Amino acid sequence: EFLRAALAQVAEARKNVRTTLQVSQPGVGPPLPAY
């Protein structure tokens, strides 16, 4: 029963990481000046 509960919690955490965790866009920032 404890294993089933832990499995449900891990599955829920994995779902939350996939769906609700905000991912930043790498390399997005102010544009560099063009000389």
PDB file of all heavy atoms in Angstrom:
ATOM      1  N   GLU A   1       0.826  -1.210   0.000  1.00  0.00           N
ATOM      2  CA  GLU A   1       0.000   0.000   0.000  1.00  0.00           C
ATOM      3  C   GLU A   1       0.862   1.263   0.000  1.00  0.00           C
ATOM      4  O   GLU A   1       0.558   2.238  -0.686  1.00  0.00           O
ATOM      5  CB  GLU A   1      -0.952   0.003   1.199  1.00  0.00           C
ATOM      6  CG  GLU A   1      -1.998  -1.091   1.157  1.00  0.00           C
ATOM      7  CD  GLU A   1      -2.833  -1.041  -0.118  1.00  0.00           C
ATOM      8  OE1 GLU A   1      -3.257   0.059  -0.529  1.00  0.00           O
ATOM      9  OE2 GLU A   1      -3.043  -2.119  -0.710  1.00  0.00           O
ATOM     10  N   PHE A   2       1.957   1.229   0.775  1.00  0.00           N
ATOM     11  CA  PHE A   2       2.869   2.369   0.792  1.00  0.00           C
ATOM     12  C   PHE A   2       3.524   2.561  -0.574  1.00  0.00           C
ATOM     13  O   PHE A   2       3.703   3.695  -1.034  1.00  0.00           O
ATOM     14  CB  PHE A   2       3.932   2.200   1.871  1.00  0.00           C
ATOM     15  CG  PHE A   2       3.405   2.362   3.273  1.00  0.00           C
ATOM     16  CD1 PHE A   2       3.631   1.370   4.224  1.00  0.00           C
ATOM     17  CD2 PHE A   2       2.694   3.489   3.656  1.00  0.00           C
ATOM     18  CE1 PHE A   2       3.144   1.509   5.512  1.00  0.00           C
ATOM     19  CE2 PHE A   2       2.216   3.632   4.942  1.00  0.00           C
ATOM     20  CZ  PHE A   2       2.442   2.634   5.873  1.00  0.00           C
ATOM     21  N   LEU A   3       3.883   1.463  -1.215  1.00  0.00           N
ATOM     22  CA  LEU A   3       4.467   1.553  -2.552  1.00  0.00           C
ATOM     23  C   LEU A   3       3.474   2.134  -3.550  1.00  0.00           C
ATOM     24  O   LEU A   3       3.836   2.949  -4.393  1.00  0.00           O
ATOM     25  CB  LEU A   3       4.944   0.179  -3.023  1.00  0.00           C
ATOM     26  CG  LEU A   3       6.279  -0.286  -2.467  1.00  0.00           C
ATOM     27  CD1 LEU A   3       6.539  -1.735  -2.864  1.00  0.00           C
ATOM     28  CD2 LEU A   3       7.401   0.598  -2.960  1.00  0.00           C
ATOM     29  N   ARG A   4       2.228   1.720  -3.453  1.00  0.00           N
ATOM     30  CA  ARG A   4       1.202   2.267  -4.358  1.00  0.00           C
ATOM     31  C   ARG A   4       1.024   3.767  -4.141  1.00  0.00           C
ATOM     32  O   ARG A   4       0.884   4.540  -5.084  1.00  0.00           O
ATOM     33  CB  ARG A   4      -0.134   1.542  -4.157  1.00  0.00           C
ATOM     34  CG  ARG A   4      -0.167   0.183  -4.773  1.00  0.00           C
ATOM     35  CD  ARG A   4      -1.530  -0.424  -4.647  1.00  0.00           C
ATOM     36  NE  ARG A   4      -1.529  -1.787  -5.147  1.00  0.00           N
ATOM     37  CZ  ARG A   4      -2.412  -2.688  -4.836  1.00  0.00           C
ATOM     38  NH1 ARG A   4      -3.406  -2.394  -3.996  1.00  0.00           N
ATOM     39  NH2 ARG A   4      -2.338  -3.905  -5.331  1.00  0.00           N
ATOM     40  N   ALA A   5       1.019   4.182  -2.865  1.00  0.00           N
ATOM     41  CA  ALA A   5       0.878   5.606  -2.561  1.00  0.00           C
ATOM     42  C   ALA A   5       2.087   6.399  -3.084  1.00  0.00           C
ATOM     43  O   ALA A   5       1.931   7.475  -3.669  1.00  0.00           O
ATOM     44  CB  ALA A   5       0.722   5.811  -1.052  1.00  0.00           C
ATOM     45  N   ALA A   6       3.274   5.842  -2.889  1.00  0.00           N
ATOM     46  CA  ALA A   6       4.482   6.513  -3.373  1.00  0.00           C
ATOM     47  C   ALA A   6       4.481   6.584  -4.897  1.00  0.00           C
ATOM     48  O   ALA A   6       4.854   7.601  -5.479  1.00  0.00           O
ATOM     49  CB  ALA A   6       5.726   5.778  -2.874  1.00  0.00           C
ATOM     50  N   LEU A   7       4.040   5.524  -5.543  1.00  0.00           N
ATOM     51  CA  LEU A   7       3.969   5.505  -7.000  1.00  0.00           C
ATOM     52  C   LEU A   7       2.992   6.562  -7.507  1.00  0.00           C
ATOM     53  O   LEU A   7       3.280   7.262  -8.482  1.00  0.00           O
ATOM     54  CB  LEU A   7       3.557   4.111  -7.482  1.00  0.00           C
ATOM     55  CG  LEU A   7       3.542   3.866  -8.973  1.00  0.00           C
ATOM     56  CD1 LEU A   7       4.893   4.136  -9.585  1.00  0.00           C
ATOM     57  CD2 LEU A   7       3.109   2.441  -9.264  1.00  0.00           C
ATOM     58  N   ALA A   8       1.869   6.717  -6.828  1.00  0.00           N
ATOM     59  CA  ALA A   8       0.894   7.736  -7.219  1.00  0.00           C
ATOM     60  C   ALA A   8       1.479   9.139  -7.046  1.00  0.00           C
ATOM     61  O   ALA A   8       1.277  10.013  -7.901  1.00  0.00           O
ATOM     62  CB  ALA A   8      -0.380   7.584  -6.403  1.00  0.00           C
ATOM     63  N   GLN A   9       2.223   9.362  -5.969  1.00  0.00           N
ATOM     64  CA  GLN A   9       2.824  10.672  -5.737  1.00  0.00           C
ATOM     65  C   GLN A   9       3.901  10.981  -6.779  1.00  0.00           C
ATOM     66  O   GLN A   9       3.977  12.115  -7.273  1.00  0.00           O
ATOM     67  CB  GLN A   9       3.427  10.745  -4.337  1.00  0.00           C
ATOM     68  CG  GLN A   9       2.389  10.843  -3.241  1.00  0.00           C
ATOM     69  CD  GLN A   9       3.028  10.920  -1.865  1.00  0.00           C
ATOM     70  OE1 GLN A   9       4.190  10.587  -1.692  1.00  0.00           O
ATOM     71  NE2 GLN A   9       2.250  11.352  -0.887  1.00  0.00           N
ATOM     72  N   VAL A  10       4.721   9.997  -7.121  1.00  0.00           N
ATOM     73  CA  VAL A  10       5.760  10.211  -8.125  1.00  0.00           C
ATOM     74  C   VAL A  10       5.127  10.474  -9.491  1.00  0.00           C
ATOM     75  O   VAL A  10       5.567  11.352 -10.238  1.00  0.00           O
ATOM     76  CB  VAL A  10       6.740   9.018  -8.176  1.00  0.00           C
ATOM     77  CG1 VAL A  10       7.646   9.093  -9.390  1.00  0.00           C
ATOM     78  CG2 VAL A  10       7.573   8.969  -6.907  1.00  0.00           C
ATOM     79  N   ALA A  11       4.077   9.733  -9.818  1.00  0.00           N
ATOM     80  CA  ALA A  11       3.395   9.950 -11.097  1.00  0.00           C
ATOM     81  C   ALA A  11       2.789  11.354 -11.157  1.00  0.00           C
ATOM     82  O   ALA A  11       2.865  12.031 -12.197  1.00  0.00           O
ATOM     83  CB  ALA A  11       2.317   8.893 -11.303  1.00  0.00           C
ATOM     84  N   GLU A  12       2.222  11.808 -10.047  1.00  0.00           N
ATOM     85  CA  GLU A  12       1.650  13.158  -9.990  1.00  0.00           C
ATOM     86  C   GLU A  12       2.747  14.217 -10.112  1.00  0.00           C
ATOM     87  O   GLU A  12       2.590  15.213 -10.820  1.00  0.00           O
ATOM     88  CB  GLU A  12       0.876  13.346  -8.685  1.00  0.00           C
ATOM     89  CG  GLU A  12       0.208  14.692  -8.544  1.00  0.00           C
ATOM     90  CD  GLU A  12      -0.924  14.900  -9.533  1.00  0.00           C
ATOM     91  OE1 GLU A  12      -1.511  13.917 -10.001  1.00  0.00           O
ATOM     92  OE2 GLU A  12      -1.219  16.077  -9.832  1.00  0.00           O
ATOM     93  N   ALA A  13       3.872  14.005  -9.443  1.00  0.00           N
ATOM     94  CA  ALA A  13       4.986  14.950  -9.525  1.00  0.00           C
ATOM     95  C   ALA A  13       5.530  15.011 -10.950  1.00  0.00           C
ATOM     96  O   ALA A  13       5.826  16.089 -11.468  1.00  0.00           O
ATOM     97  CB  ALA A  13       6.095  14.551  -8.554  1.00  0.00           C
ATOM     98  N   ARG A  14       5.641  13.863 -11.593  1.00  0.00           N
ATOM     99  CA  ARG A  14       6.137  13.829 -12.974  1.00  0.00           C
ATOM    100  C   ARG A  14       5.177  14.555 -13.911  1.00  0.00           C
ATOM    101  O   ARG A  14       5.596  15.292 -14.798  1.00  0.00           O
ATOM    102  CB  ARG A  14       6.313  12.373 -13.395  1.00  0.00           C
ATOM    103  CG  ARG A  14       7.048  12.214 -14.687  1.00  0.00           C
ATOM    104  CD  ARG A  14       7.353  10.762 -14.949  1.00  0.00           C
ATOM    105  NE  ARG A  14       8.077  10.624 -16.187  1.00  0.00           N
ATOM    106  CZ  ARG A  14       8.147   9.521 -16.883  1.00  0.00           C
ATOM    107  NH1 ARG A  14       7.539   8.435 -16.454  1.00  0.00           N
ATOM    108  NH2 ARG A  14       8.828   9.471 -18.003  1.00  0.00           N
ATOM    109  N   LYS A  15       3.891  14.372 -13.686  1.00  0.00           N
ATOM    110  CA  LYS A  15       2.890  15.069 -14.504  1.00  0.00           C
ATOM    111  C   LYS A  15       2.994  16.574 -14.301  1.00  0.00           C
ATOM    112  O   LYS A  15       2.929  17.345 -15.262  1.00  0.00           O
ATOM    113  CB  LYS A  15       1.490  14.566 -14.133  1.00  0.00           C
ATOM    114  CG  LYS A  15       0.378  15.203 -14.925  1.00  0.00           C
ATOM    115  CD  LYS A  15      -0.962  14.662 -14.459  1.00  0.00           C
ATOM    116  CE  LYS A  15      -1.947  15.792 -14.443  1.00  0.00           C
ATOM    117  NZ  LYS A  15      -3.141  15.537 -13.696  1.00  0.00           N
ATOM    118  N   ASN A  16       3.186  17.003 -13.047  1.00  0.00           N
ATOM    119  CA  ASN A  16       3.320  18.431 -12.764  1.00  0.00           C
ATOM    120  C   ASN A  16       4.573  19.019 -13.391  1.00  0.00           C
ATOM    121  O   ASN A  16       4.547  20.156 -13.878  1.00  0.00           O
ATOM    122  CB  ASN A  16       3.329  18.678 -11.256  1.00  0.00           C
ATOM    123  CG  ASN A  16       1.948  18.568 -10.654  1.00  0.00           C
ATOM    124  OD1 ASN A  16       0.951  18.710 -11.345  1.00  0.00           O
ATOM    125  ND2 ASN A  16       1.887  18.285  -9.370  1.00  0.00           N
ATOM    126  N   VAL A  17       5.667  18.278 -13.387  1.00  0.00           N
ATOM    127  CA  VAL A  17       6.901  18.768 -14.012  1.00  0.00           C
ATOM    128  C   VAL A  17       6.670  18.951 -15.506  1.00  0.00           C
ATOM    129  O   VAL A  17       7.104  19.937 -16.092  1.00  0.00           O
ATOM    130  CB  VAL A  17       8.075  17.797 -13.738  1.00  0.00           C
ATOM    131  CG1 VAL A  17       9.250  18.079 -14.653  1.00  0.00           C
ATOM    132  CG2 VAL A  17       8.511  17.904 -12.288  1.00  0.00           C
ATOM    133  N   ARG A  18       5.960  18.016 -16.127  1.00  0.00           N
ATOM    134  CA  ARG A  18       5.705  18.112 -17.568  1.00  0.00           C
ATOM    135  C   ARG A  18       4.761  19.240 -17.922  1.00  0.00           C
ATOM    136  O   ARG A  18       4.927  19.893 -18.946  1.00  0.00           O
ATOM    137  CB  ARG A  18       5.102  16.798 -18.085  1.00  0.00           C
ATOM    138  CG  ARG A  18       6.135  15.852 -18.618  1.00  0.00           C
ATOM    139  CD  ARG A  18       5.466  14.684 -19.298  1.00  0.00           C
ATOM    140  NE  ARG A  18       5.566  13.549 -18.396  1.00  0.00           N
ATOM    141  CZ  ARG A  18       4.598  12.705 -18.114  1.00  0.00           C
ATOM    142  NH1 ARG A  18       3.437  12.811 -18.681  1.00  0.00           N
ATOM    143  NH2 ARG A  18       4.794  11.728 -17.275  1.00  0.00           N
ATOM    144  N   THR A  19       3.741  19.465 -17.085  1.00  0.00           N
ATOM    145  CA  THR A  19       2.672  20.380 -17.482  1.00  0.00           C
ATOM    146  C   THR A  19       2.739  21.760 -16.841  1.00  0.00           C
ATOM    147  O   THR A  19       2.449  22.750 -17.508  1.00  0.00           O
ATOM    148  CB  THR A  19       1.293  19.762 -17.160  1.00  0.00           C
ATOM    149  OG1 THR A  19       1.217  19.478 -15.766  1.00  0.00           O
ATOM    150  CG2 THR A  19       1.069  18.497 -17.957  1.00  0.00           C
ATOM    151  N   THR A  20       3.096  21.858 -15.575  1.00  0.00           N
ATOM    152  CA  THR A  20       2.978  23.143 -14.887  1.00  0.00           C
ATOM    153  C   THR A  20       4.295  23.832 -14.576  1.00  0.00           C
ATOM    154  O   THR A  20       4.287  25.011 -14.219  1.00  0.00           O
ATOM    155  CB  THR A  20       2.192  22.989 -13.566  1.00  0.00           C
ATOM    156  OG1 THR A  20       2.886  22.096 -12.712  1.00  0.00           O
ATOM    157  CG2 THR A  20       0.792  22.504 -13.824  1.00  0.00           C
ATOM    158  N   LEU A  21       5.420  23.129 -14.691  1.00  0.00           N
ATOM    159  CA  LEU A  21       6.707  23.765 -14.409  1.00  0.00           C
ATOM    160  C   LEU A  21       7.025  24.746 -15.522  1.00  0.00           C
ATOM    161  O   LEU A  21       7.015  24.397 -16.698  1.00  0.00           O
ATOM    162  CB  LEU A  21       7.810  22.708 -14.307  1.00  0.00           C
ATOM    163  CG  LEU A  21       9.157  23.196 -13.825  1.00  0.00           C
ATOM    164  CD1 LEU A  21       9.076  23.681 -12.383  1.00  0.00           C
ATOM    165  CD2 LEU A  21      10.181  22.099 -13.942  1.00  0.00           C
ATOM    166  N   GLN A  22       7.288  25.989 -15.148  1.00  0.00           N
ATOM    167  CA  GLN A  22       7.575  27.015 -16.137  1.00  0.00           C
ATOM    168  C   GLN A  22       9.003  26.865 -16.628  1.00  0.00           C
ATOM    169  O   GLN A  22       9.938  26.785 -15.847  1.00  0.00           O
ATOM    170  CB  GLN A  22       7.386  28.406 -15.541  1.00  0.00           C
ATOM    171  CG  GLN A  22       5.963  28.729 -15.199  1.00  0.00           C
ATOM    172  CD  GLN A  22       5.847  30.126 -14.605  1.00  0.00           C
ATOM    173  OE1 GLN A  22       6.829  30.791 -14.340  1.00  0.00           O
ATOM    174  NE2 GLN A  22       4.615  30.556 -14.406  1.00  0.00           N
ATOM    175  N   VAL A  23       9.147  26.818 -17.949  1.00  0.00           N
ATOM    176  CA  VAL A  23      10.456  26.671 -18.567  1.00  0.00           C
ATOM    177  C   VAL A  23      10.851  28.008 -19.168  1.00  0.00           C
ATOM    178  O   VAL A  23      10.072  28.627 -19.894  1.00  0.00           O
ATOM    179  CB  VAL A  23      10.423  25.574 -19.660  1.00  0.00           C
ATOM    180  CG1 VAL A  23      11.767  25.457 -20.333  1.00  0.00           C
ATOM    181  CG2 VAL A  23      10.006  24.247 -19.054  1.00  0.00           C
ATOM    182  N   SER A  24      12.043  28.458 -18.842  1.00  0.00           N
ATOM    183  CA  SER A  24      12.526  29.716 -19.402  1.00  0.00           C
ATOM    184  C   SER A  24      13.124  29.450 -20.772  1.00  0.00           C
ATOM    185  O   SER A  24      13.568  28.357 -21.080  1.00  0.00           O
ATOM    186  CB  SER A  24      13.577  30.340 -18.483  1.00  0.00           C
ATOM    187  OG  SER A  24      14.702  29.487 -18.407  1.00  0.00           O
ATOM    188  N   GLN A  25      13.125  30.470 -21.571  1.00  0.00           N
ATOM    189  CA  GLN A  25      13.719  30.365 -22.899  1.00  0.00           C
ATOM    190  C   GLN A  25      15.195  30.735 -22.788  1.00  0.00           C
ATOM    191  O   GLN A  25      15.520  31.866 -22.449  1.00  0.00           O
ATOM    192  CB  GLN A  25      13.011  31.313 -23.876  1.00  0.00           C
ATOM    193  CG  GLN A  25      11.562  30.977 -24.100  1.00  0.00           C
ATOM    194  CD  GLN A  25      11.383  29.595 -24.706  1.00  0.00           C
ATOM    195  OE1 GLN A  25      12.162  29.171 -25.533  1.00  0.00           O
ATOM    196  NE2 GLN A  25      10.358  28.895 -24.276  1.00  0.00           N
ATOM    197  N   PRO A  26      16.103  29.790 -23.050  1.00  0.00           N
ATOM    198  CA  PRO A  26      17.524  30.108 -22.919  1.00  0.00           C
ATOM    199  C   PRO A  26      17.968  31.089 -23.997  1.00  0.00           C
ATOM    200  O   PRO A  26      17.503  31.036 -25.130  1.00  0.00           O
ATOM    201  CB  PRO A  26      18.205  28.756 -23.104  1.00  0.00           C
ATOM    202  CG  PRO A  26      17.253  27.951 -23.895  1.00  0.00           C
ATOM    203  CD  PRO A  26      15.871  28.438 -23.513  1.00  0.00           C
ATOM    204  N   GLY A  27      18.826  31.980 -23.601  1.00  0.00           N
ATOM    205  CA  GLY A  27      19.390  32.917 -24.566  1.00  0.00           C
ATOM    206  C   GLY A  27      18.499  34.090 -24.910  1.00  0.00           C
ATOM    207  O   GLY A  27      18.860  34.902 -25.748  1.00  0.00           O
ATOM    208  N   VAL A  28      17.353  34.196 -24.264  1.00  0.00           N
ATOM    209  CA  VAL A  28      16.477  35.324 -24.548  1.00  0.00           C
ATOM    210  C   VAL A  28      16.871  36.457 -23.619  1.00  0.00           C
ATOM    211  O   VAL A  28      16.903  36.306 -22.412  1.00  0.00           O
ATOM    212  CB  VAL A  28      14.992  34.946 -24.335  1.00  0.00           C
ATOM    213  CG1 VAL A  28      14.104  36.155 -24.494  1.00  0.00           C
ATOM    214  CG2 VAL A  28      14.594  33.849 -25.299  1.00  0.00           C
ATOM    215  N   GLY A  29      17.179  37.560 -24.194  1.00  0.00           N
ATOM    216  CA  GLY A  29      17.581  38.714 -23.408  1.00  0.00           C
ATOM    217  C   GLY A  29      17.555  39.935 -24.285  1.00  0.00           C
ATOM    218  O   GLY A  29      17.102  39.884 -25.432  1.00  0.00           O
ATOM    219  N   PRO A  30      18.032  41.033 -23.780  1.00  0.00           N
ATOM    220  CA  PRO A  30      18.041  42.239 -24.611  1.00  0.00           C
ATOM    221  C   PRO A  30      18.970  42.043 -25.804  1.00  0.00           C
ATOM    222  O   PRO A  30      20.017  41.403 -25.687  1.00  0.00           O
ATOM    223  CB  PRO A  30      18.551  43.324 -23.671  1.00  0.00           C
ATOM    224  CG  PRO A  30      19.243  42.609 -22.578  1.00  0.00           C
ATOM    225  CD  PRO A  30      18.610  41.261 -22.471  1.00  0.00           C
ATOM    226  N   PRO A  31      18.592  42.555 -26.927  1.00  0.00           N
ATOM    227  CA  PRO A  31      19.446  42.377 -28.108  1.00  0.00           C
ATOM    228  C   PRO A  31      20.762  43.128 -27.933  1.00  0.00           C
ATOM    229  O   PRO A  31      20.819  44.201 -27.325  1.00  0.00           O
ATOM    230  CB  PRO A  31      18.629  42.973 -29.248  1.00  0.00           C
ATOM    231  CG  PRO A  31      17.668  43.894 -28.590  1.00  0.00           C
ATOM    232  CD  PRO A  31      17.403  43.337 -27.218  1.00  0.00           C
ATOM    233  N   LEU A  32      21.805  42.537 -28.453  1.00  0.00           N
ATOM    234  CA  LEU A  32      23.109  43.180 -28.391  1.00  0.00           C
ATOM    235  C   LEU A  32      23.169  44.279 -29.440  1.00  0.00           C
ATOM    236  O   LEU A  32      22.578  44.146 -30.517  1.00  0.00           O
ATOM    237  CB  LEU A  32      24.206  42.143 -28.643  1.00  0.00           C
ATOM    238  CG  LEU A  32      24.289  41.021 -27.612  1.00  0.00           C
ATOM    239  CD1 LEU A  32      25.338  40.000 -28.038  1.00  0.00           C
ATOM    240  CD2 LEU A  32      24.622  41.583 -26.248  1.00  0.00           C
ATOM    241  N   PRO A  33      23.873  45.351 -29.140  1.00  0.00           N
ATOM    242  CA  PRO A  33      23.940  46.436 -30.122  1.00  0.00           C
ATOM    243  C   PRO A  33      24.691  45.982 -31.373  1.00  0.00           C
ATOM    244  O   PRO A  33      25.690  45.285 -31.302  1.00  0.00           O
ATOM    245  CB  PRO A  33      24.687  47.544 -29.392  1.00  0.00           C
ATOM    246  CG  PRO A  33      25.404  46.871 -28.282  1.00  0.00           C
ATOM    247  CD  PRO A  33      24.613  45.656 -27.929  1.00  0.00           C
ATOM    248  N   ALA A  34      24.175  46.378 -32.509  1.00  0.00           N
ATOM    249  CA  ALA A  34      24.826  46.055 -33.779  1.00  0.00           C
ATOM    250  C   ALA A  34      25.744  47.212 -34.147  1.00  0.00           C
ATOM    251  O   ALA A  34      25.288  48.330 -34.369  1.00  0.00           O
ATOM    252  CB  ALA A  34      23.776  45.835 -34.851  1.00  0.00           C
ATOM    253  N   TYR A  35      27.027  46.955 -34.153  1.00  0.00           N
ATOM    254  CA  TYR A  35      27.987  47.991 -34.488  1.00  0.00           C
ATOM    255  C   TYR A  35      28.149  48.047 -36.002  1.00  0.00           C
ATOM    256  O   TYR A  35      28.020  47.054 -36.703  1.00  0.00           O
ATOM    257  CB  TYR A  35      29.331  47.720 -33.813  1.00  0.00           C
ATOM    258  CG  TYR A  35      29.219  47.721 -32.306  1.00  0.00           C
ATOM    259  CD1 TYR A  35      29.310  46.542 -31.589  1.00  0.00           C
ATOM    260  CD2 TYR A  35      28.983  48.895 -31.613  1.00  0.00           C
ATOM    261  CE1 TYR A  35      29.191  46.533 -30.206  1.00  0.00           C
ATOM    262  CE2 TYR A  35      28.863  48.906 -30.237  1.00  0.00           C
ATOM    263  CZ  TYR A  35      28.961  47.726 -29.540  1.00  0.00           C
ATOM    264  OH  TYR A  35      28.832  47.733 -28.191  1.00  0.00           O
TER     265      TYR A  35
END
